[in-house]
Protein backbone atom coordinates (compact mmCIF):
# COMPACT_ATOMS: atom_id res chain seq x y z
CA MET A 1 142.09 76.92 38.12
CA LYS A 2 139.28 79.48 38.28
CA LYS A 3 137.38 77.65 35.53
CA ILE A 4 137.74 74.31 37.35
CA THR A 5 136.55 75.90 40.60
CA LEU A 6 133.48 77.31 38.84
CA LEU A 7 132.71 73.94 37.27
CA VAL A 8 133.01 72.19 40.63
CA ALA A 9 130.76 74.80 42.25
CA ALA A 10 128.16 74.38 39.49
CA PHE A 11 128.26 70.60 39.89
CA CYS A 12 127.82 70.87 43.64
CA LEU A 13 124.83 73.18 43.22
CA THR A 14 123.27 70.83 40.69
CA PHE A 15 123.89 67.78 42.87
CA SER A 16 122.46 69.61 45.89
CA ALA A 17 119.29 70.42 43.96
CA LEU A 18 118.93 66.82 42.82
CA ALA A 19 119.60 65.47 46.31
CA GLN A 20 117.13 67.78 48.08
CA PHE A 21 114.45 65.09 48.20
CA PRO A 22 114.79 61.31 48.26
CA GLN A 23 112.20 60.97 45.48
CA THR A 24 111.87 62.91 42.24
CA LEU A 25 108.87 65.22 42.50
CA PRO A 26 106.09 65.03 41.58
CA ILE A 27 105.40 61.51 42.74
CA ASP A 28 102.47 60.18 40.70
CA HIS A 29 100.72 56.99 39.66
CA THR A 30 103.82 55.68 37.89
CA VAL A 31 105.53 55.47 41.30
CA PHE A 32 102.70 54.99 43.81
CA PHE A 33 101.16 52.16 41.80
CA ARG A 34 104.12 50.48 40.19
CA THR A 35 104.30 46.73 40.76
CA ALA A 36 107.24 46.95 43.17
CA ALA A 37 105.32 49.33 45.48
CA MET A 38 102.32 47.06 46.05
CA GLY A 39 101.50 43.58 47.22
CA THR A 40 100.33 40.69 45.09
CA ASP A 41 97.47 41.92 42.93
CA PRO A 42 94.93 43.10 44.04
CA THR A 43 96.49 43.82 47.48
CA LEU A 44 97.73 47.37 48.08
CA GLU A 45 100.08 46.63 50.99
CA LYS A 46 103.50 45.25 50.12
CA ALA A 47 104.45 44.46 53.73
CA ILE A 48 103.53 44.95 57.38
CA TYR A 49 105.28 47.01 60.04
CA ALA A 50 105.19 45.00 63.26
CA THR A 51 105.92 48.08 65.41
CA THR A 52 106.31 51.82 64.98
CA SER A 53 110.10 51.50 65.35
CA ASP A 54 110.68 48.99 62.55
CA ALA A 55 113.29 49.82 59.92
CA ILE A 56 111.80 51.66 56.96
CA LEU A 57 110.37 49.75 54.00
CA VAL A 58 110.84 52.62 51.62
CA ASN A 59 108.90 53.51 48.46
CA GLN A 60 106.07 51.08 49.03
CA TRP A 61 102.70 50.69 50.75
CA ASN A 62 102.80 48.98 54.16
CA ARG A 63 100.40 48.33 56.99
CA SER A 64 100.96 50.78 59.83
CA GLY A 65 103.09 49.69 62.76
CA LYS A 66 100.56 51.33 65.08
CA THR A 67 98.13 48.60 66.08
CA THR A 68 96.55 50.19 69.14
CA ASN A 69 92.95 51.41 68.97
CA GLY A 70 92.26 48.75 66.36
CA GLU A 71 94.38 50.45 63.69
CA GLY A 72 95.73 47.19 62.31
CA GLY A 73 92.30 45.67 61.85
CA GLY A 74 90.72 44.14 58.80
CA ALA A 75 92.52 43.50 55.54
CA SER A 76 94.65 45.60 53.23
CA PRO A 77 92.81 47.89 50.82
CA THR A 78 92.68 46.45 47.32
CA VAL A 79 93.52 48.05 44.00
CA GLU A 80 92.08 47.84 40.51
CA ALA A 81 92.42 49.66 37.20
CA ASN A 82 91.62 53.34 37.66
CA THR A 83 88.04 54.10 36.67
CA LEU A 84 87.87 57.59 38.19
CA GLY A 85 88.06 60.61 35.95
CA TYR A 86 88.29 64.39 36.17
CA SER A 87 88.29 65.96 32.73
CA ASN A 88 91.81 66.89 31.54
CA TYR A 89 93.44 66.04 34.91
CA ILE A 90 96.90 64.73 34.11
CA ASP A 91 96.29 61.43 35.94
CA ASN A 92 92.71 61.04 34.72
CA GLN A 93 92.11 57.30 34.28
CA MET A 94 95.77 56.43 34.85
CA GLY A 95 97.32 53.92 37.25
CA LYS A 96 95.28 52.23 39.94
CA THR A 97 92.28 52.93 42.12
CA ILE A 98 92.53 52.19 45.86
CA ASN A 99 89.33 50.54 47.08
CA LEU A 100 88.44 51.53 50.63
CA THR A 101 86.10 48.74 51.62
CA PRO A 102 86.21 47.78 55.30
CA THR A 103 85.61 44.11 55.99
CA ALA A 104 83.80 44.54 59.30
CA ALA A 105 81.96 47.21 61.26
CA THR A 106 84.82 47.69 63.73
CA THR A 107 87.91 47.56 61.52
CA LEU A 108 90.29 50.49 61.07
CA ARG A 109 93.41 50.13 58.97
CA SER A 110 96.14 52.68 58.25
CA THR A 111 98.32 52.12 55.20
CA PRO A 112 101.27 54.52 54.79
CA TYR A 113 103.33 54.93 51.64
CA SER A 114 106.78 55.22 53.25
CA LEU A 115 108.89 58.01 51.73
CA THR A 116 111.92 58.44 53.96
CA ALA A 117 113.36 57.89 57.44
CA ALA A 118 115.15 61.27 57.34
CA ASN A 119 114.02 64.89 57.33
CA GLU A 120 114.14 65.98 53.70
CA TYR A 121 110.45 66.96 53.46
CA THR A 122 110.46 69.79 55.97
CA ALA A 123 110.17 73.60 56.36
CA ALA A 124 108.29 74.10 53.08
CA THR A 125 104.82 73.76 51.58
CA PHE A 126 103.79 70.37 50.23
CA TYR A 127 100.71 69.27 48.33
CA ALA A 128 98.82 66.02 47.86
CA GLY A 129 96.17 65.70 45.16
CA MET A 130 93.79 62.82 44.49
CA LEU A 131 90.53 61.80 42.87
CA VAL A 132 87.91 60.53 45.34
CA LYS A 133 84.53 58.90 44.99
CA PHE A 134 82.65 57.87 48.13
CA THR A 135 79.66 55.56 47.87
CA THR A 136 78.73 55.51 51.57
CA VAL A 137 79.51 57.95 54.39
CA THR A 138 77.96 57.36 57.81
CA GLY A 139 80.45 58.88 60.28
CA SER A 140 80.36 62.22 62.04
CA GLY A 141 83.94 63.12 61.11
CA VAL A 142 86.63 60.54 60.23
CA ASP A 143 89.77 60.85 58.13
CA PHE A 144 90.71 58.92 54.99
CA PHE A 145 94.06 60.62 54.18
CA ALA A 146 96.85 62.30 56.14
CA PHE A 147 100.41 63.55 55.93
CA ASP A 148 102.53 61.53 58.34
CA SER A 149 105.76 62.37 60.15
CA ASN A 150 106.39 58.70 60.95
CA TYR A 151 107.08 56.38 58.02
CA THR A 152 105.29 53.55 59.85
CA GLY A 153 102.06 55.57 60.00
CA ASN A 154 102.09 56.71 63.62
CA ALA A 155 101.88 60.51 63.49
CA GLN A 156 99.24 61.87 61.12
CA ARG A 157 98.59 65.59 60.74
CA GLY A 158 96.86 67.54 58.02
CA ARG A 159 94.06 64.99 57.87
CA ILE A 160 91.22 65.08 55.36
CA PHE A 161 87.94 64.29 57.12
CA ILE A 162 84.49 63.40 55.80
CA LYS A 163 81.17 63.21 57.57
CA ALA A 164 77.60 62.36 56.67
CA SER A 165 75.52 65.40 55.75
CA ALA A 166 72.22 66.21 57.39
CA ASN A 167 70.78 65.82 53.88
CA THR A 168 70.30 62.29 52.56
CA GLY A 169 72.61 61.36 49.69
CA PHE A 170 75.31 63.89 50.56
CA TYR A 171 78.43 64.26 52.69
CA ASN A 172 80.84 67.02 53.73
CA MET A 173 84.63 67.28 53.69
CA GLY A 174 87.18 69.36 55.59
CA ILE A 175 90.81 69.38 56.66
CA GLY A 176 91.94 69.33 60.28
CA PHE A 177 95.40 69.38 61.78
CA SER A 178 94.81 66.50 64.20
CA GLY A 179 91.11 65.86 64.81
CA SER A 180 87.82 66.52 63.06
CA GLY A 181 87.09 69.15 65.71
CA ASP A 182 89.75 71.30 64.03
CA VAL A 183 87.41 71.72 61.06
CA GLY A 184 84.92 73.49 63.32
CA THR A 185 82.04 74.84 61.28
CA SER A 186 84.11 75.13 58.10
CA TRP A 187 82.99 71.93 56.40
CA SER A 188 82.42 71.95 52.65
CA THR A 189 78.99 72.41 51.16
CA ASP A 190 77.17 69.17 50.41
CA LEU A 191 79.07 66.76 48.15
CA THR A 192 77.07 64.13 46.30
CA ILE A 193 77.47 60.50 47.31
CA GLY A 194 78.68 58.55 44.28
CA SER A 195 80.18 61.57 42.50
CA MET A 196 83.87 62.10 41.74
CA TYR A 197 85.92 65.04 43.08
CA LEU A 198 89.47 66.29 42.69
CA VAL A 199 90.80 67.02 46.17
CA VAL A 200 94.03 68.89 47.03
CA ALA A 201 95.48 69.18 50.54
CA SER A 202 98.38 71.50 51.35
CA ILE A 203 100.51 71.74 54.46
CA SER A 204 103.16 74.37 55.17
CA LEU A 205 105.73 72.91 57.57
CA ALA A 206 107.89 74.84 60.00
CA ALA A 207 110.63 73.86 62.43
CA THR A 208 109.15 76.21 65.04
CA GLY A 209 106.21 78.57 65.22
CA THR A 210 103.11 77.58 63.26
CA GLU A 211 102.09 75.27 60.43
CA THR A 212 99.24 75.91 57.99
CA ILE A 213 96.85 73.49 56.29
CA LYS A 214 94.39 74.08 53.43
CA LEU A 215 91.88 71.96 51.51
CA TYR A 216 90.68 72.56 47.95
CA ILE A 217 87.91 70.70 46.11
CA ASN A 218 87.82 70.77 42.29
CA PRO A 219 90.48 73.49 41.87
CA THR A 220 90.97 74.91 38.39
CA LEU A 221 93.51 72.89 36.42
CA GLY A 222 96.52 74.90 35.31
CA SER A 223 95.75 77.67 37.80
CA VAL A 224 97.89 79.29 40.48
CA GLU A 225 96.97 78.51 44.07
CA GLY A 226 95.86 82.05 44.83
CA ASP A 227 93.16 81.85 42.15
CA ASN A 228 91.35 79.15 44.15
CA THR A 229 89.46 79.48 47.41
CA PRO A 230 90.12 76.74 49.98
CA VAL A 231 87.18 74.92 51.49
CA ASN A 232 88.78 75.50 54.87
CA SER A 233 92.20 76.19 56.37
CA GLY A 234 93.86 76.40 59.74
CA THR A 235 97.05 77.47 61.49
CA TYR A 236 98.44 75.42 64.37
CA THR A 237 101.49 75.18 66.56
CA ALA A 238 104.18 73.37 64.57
CA ALA A 239 103.95 69.65 65.31
CA LEU A 240 104.25 67.63 62.10
CA LEU A 241 107.67 69.23 61.32
CA LYS A 242 108.45 66.78 58.49
CA ILE A 243 106.71 64.37 56.12
CA ARG A 244 107.94 60.79 56.01
CA ALA A 245 104.82 59.06 54.68
CA LEU A 246 101.42 59.61 53.11
CA THR A 247 98.76 57.56 54.87
CA ILE A 248 95.49 56.17 53.50
CA ARG A 249 92.95 55.03 56.10
CA GLN A 250 90.24 52.44 55.63
CA ARG A 251 87.36 52.83 58.10
CA PRO A 252 83.93 51.29 58.73
CA GLU A 253 82.27 54.73 58.49
CA PHE A 254 82.74 54.98 54.72
CA SER A 255 83.42 53.11 51.53
CA GLY A 256 84.83 54.54 48.34
CA LYS A 257 87.76 54.88 45.97
CA VAL A 258 90.93 57.01 45.79
CA ALA A 259 92.98 57.38 42.60
CA GLY A 260 95.21 59.80 40.70
CA LEU A 261 97.39 60.38 43.77
CA ARG A 262 100.11 63.03 43.35
CA PHE A 263 102.60 64.53 45.83
CA SER A 264 104.87 67.53 45.31
CA ASN A 265 106.20 70.79 46.69
CA SER A 266 104.65 72.56 43.69
CA TRP A 267 100.98 73.49 43.27
CA ALA A 268 101.45 73.39 39.48
CA ASP A 269 102.49 69.72 39.68
CA ILE A 270 99.25 68.83 41.45
CA VAL A 271 96.71 70.71 39.29
CA LYS A 272 98.38 69.82 36.03
CA GLY A 273 96.16 69.39 32.99
CA GLY A 274 96.81 67.61 29.72
CA GLY A 275 95.11 64.34 30.58
CA ILE A 276 92.14 62.66 28.93
CA SER A 277 89.33 65.16 28.39
CA THR A 278 86.42 62.95 29.37
CA SER A 279 85.48 61.47 32.71
CA VAL A 280 85.57 57.69 32.93
CA ASP A 281 82.82 57.83 35.54
CA ASN A 282 80.49 59.21 32.89
CA PRO A 283 82.37 58.93 29.61
CA GLY A 284 79.47 59.00 27.18
CA ILE A 285 81.46 56.85 24.79
CA SER A 286 80.22 54.35 22.25
CA ASN A 287 82.59 51.65 21.18
CA PHE A 288 84.49 53.08 18.23
CA ALA A 289 87.34 50.55 18.10
CA ASN A 290 86.96 46.86 17.29
CA VAL A 291 89.64 44.43 18.40
CA SER A 292 90.37 41.16 16.61
CA ASN A 293 93.29 39.18 17.99
CA LYS A 294 95.92 41.91 18.23
CA SER A 295 94.59 44.12 15.43
CA ILE A 296 92.51 47.24 16.16
CA GLN A 297 90.06 48.62 13.58
CA LEU A 298 88.76 52.20 14.01
CA GLN A 299 85.54 53.64 12.62
CA GLU A 300 87.30 56.66 11.11
CA LEU A 301 90.72 58.08 10.41
CA GLY A 302 92.56 59.72 13.27
CA ASN A 303 95.45 59.71 15.73
CA VAL A 304 95.76 56.98 18.36
CA ASP A 305 97.67 56.54 21.63
CA ILE A 306 97.49 53.26 23.55
CA TYR A 307 98.42 53.08 27.26
CA ASN A 308 98.74 50.28 29.75
CA MET A 309 96.70 50.60 32.95
CA GLN A 310 99.71 52.05 34.78
CA GLY A 311 99.59 55.01 32.40
CA ALA A 312 102.64 54.25 30.25
CA LYS A 313 102.20 55.07 26.57
CA LEU A 314 102.94 51.97 24.50
CA ILE A 315 101.83 52.84 20.95
CA SER A 316 101.27 56.02 18.97
CA ALA A 317 99.93 56.18 15.42
CA THR A 318 98.73 59.05 13.23
CA ASN A 319 96.17 59.32 10.43
CA THR A 320 95.19 55.67 10.58
CA ARG A 321 92.17 53.37 10.84
CA THR A 322 94.00 50.10 11.48
CA ILE A 323 96.65 49.29 14.07
CA ASP A 324 98.45 45.95 14.21
CA THR A 325 99.99 45.45 17.66
CA ASN A 326 102.20 43.01 19.52
CA LEU A 327 100.53 43.73 22.85
CA ASN A 328 100.36 41.03 25.47
CA LYS A 329 97.01 39.80 26.75
CA GLY A 330 95.41 42.36 29.04
CA VAL A 331 93.39 45.55 29.38
CA TYR A 332 94.58 48.78 27.75
CA LEU A 333 93.39 52.33 27.28
CA LEU A 334 92.95 53.66 23.74
CA ARG A 335 92.86 57.42 23.24
CA PHE A 336 91.60 58.52 19.82
CA THR A 337 91.47 61.97 18.20
CA ASN A 338 89.72 62.26 14.84
CA LEU A 339 90.76 64.66 12.10
CA THR A 340 88.40 67.38 13.38
CA GLY A 341 89.94 67.26 16.87
CA GLU A 342 87.19 65.30 18.64
CA GLU A 343 88.65 63.07 21.34
CA LYS A 344 87.33 59.71 22.51
CA ILE A 345 88.57 57.04 24.88
CA GLN A 346 87.90 53.32 25.14
CA LYS A 347 89.20 50.45 27.19
CA ILE A 348 90.21 47.56 24.99
CA ILE A 349 90.98 43.94 25.79
CA ILE A 350 93.69 42.01 23.98
CA GLN A 351 92.96 38.30 24.16
């Protein structure tokens, strides 16, 4: 009887640990950008909330149910194959890129990824990491990302703001609890328009008392949080209380791309390395693989991994120069390591 009781107790503890969150953490590109989470390609939004009290459309991107102040304006952000890269970042070049391209000068659109209608993400520290590349920034302080306590996108806190710098060709970034005024004078140093950055936001939730937010830009991969200095941080009276969605905002004050999105309660999950070691934004790669029909010919012997654009590994081969595949028509990512350890990447097209 004692043994059975112990087994039951162990099972209950295991089940409790598994059931703590409605999603398995970390959530990454394989979940955020899977086909079932998005609309018809290239549309990001799967559906539209008509009001902020609609039933949850869980585990997918939806237009916010908040339509006041023009928040339902314009069209859904679009997606395309991820072309952003941060050397060795685990989601470097994987999944999709969200294109933030407003269709008119007055349009504002909030697009939450709905996680839950309950209160599982609460009273703990949570992190969101992403690759960003802004090509225009004209505003004086507007947000492009936020944690949200309403799954329909109606209660954003821990917002990441950007504003045009006083210096041409640059912009600044900071995190505020509710408004850009929360950043105060603690904006980042100048960030270069058109350059790629790894951005991590953290929020420590509390049922009562205070909540803390922090923003990191280009943290060290594989590090502990304490080894990195936040761009800015703040402590505020507890108001978010729980996370039910992650919200991307498309605004007329900027245009750019967001990719490599990750969400977890672990810093290590967000700054995980082991990805491709070169940046797709500036890969410095010559074509080293020739494709004929479904056969791939390499210029030298080496090891090869082939991924689809959602980041799933499809083929692995070692010590080879020729790979015969049965891949369907489409675009794929080939990762090659020669016998001296030099790594190269190339996008290939199977006709």
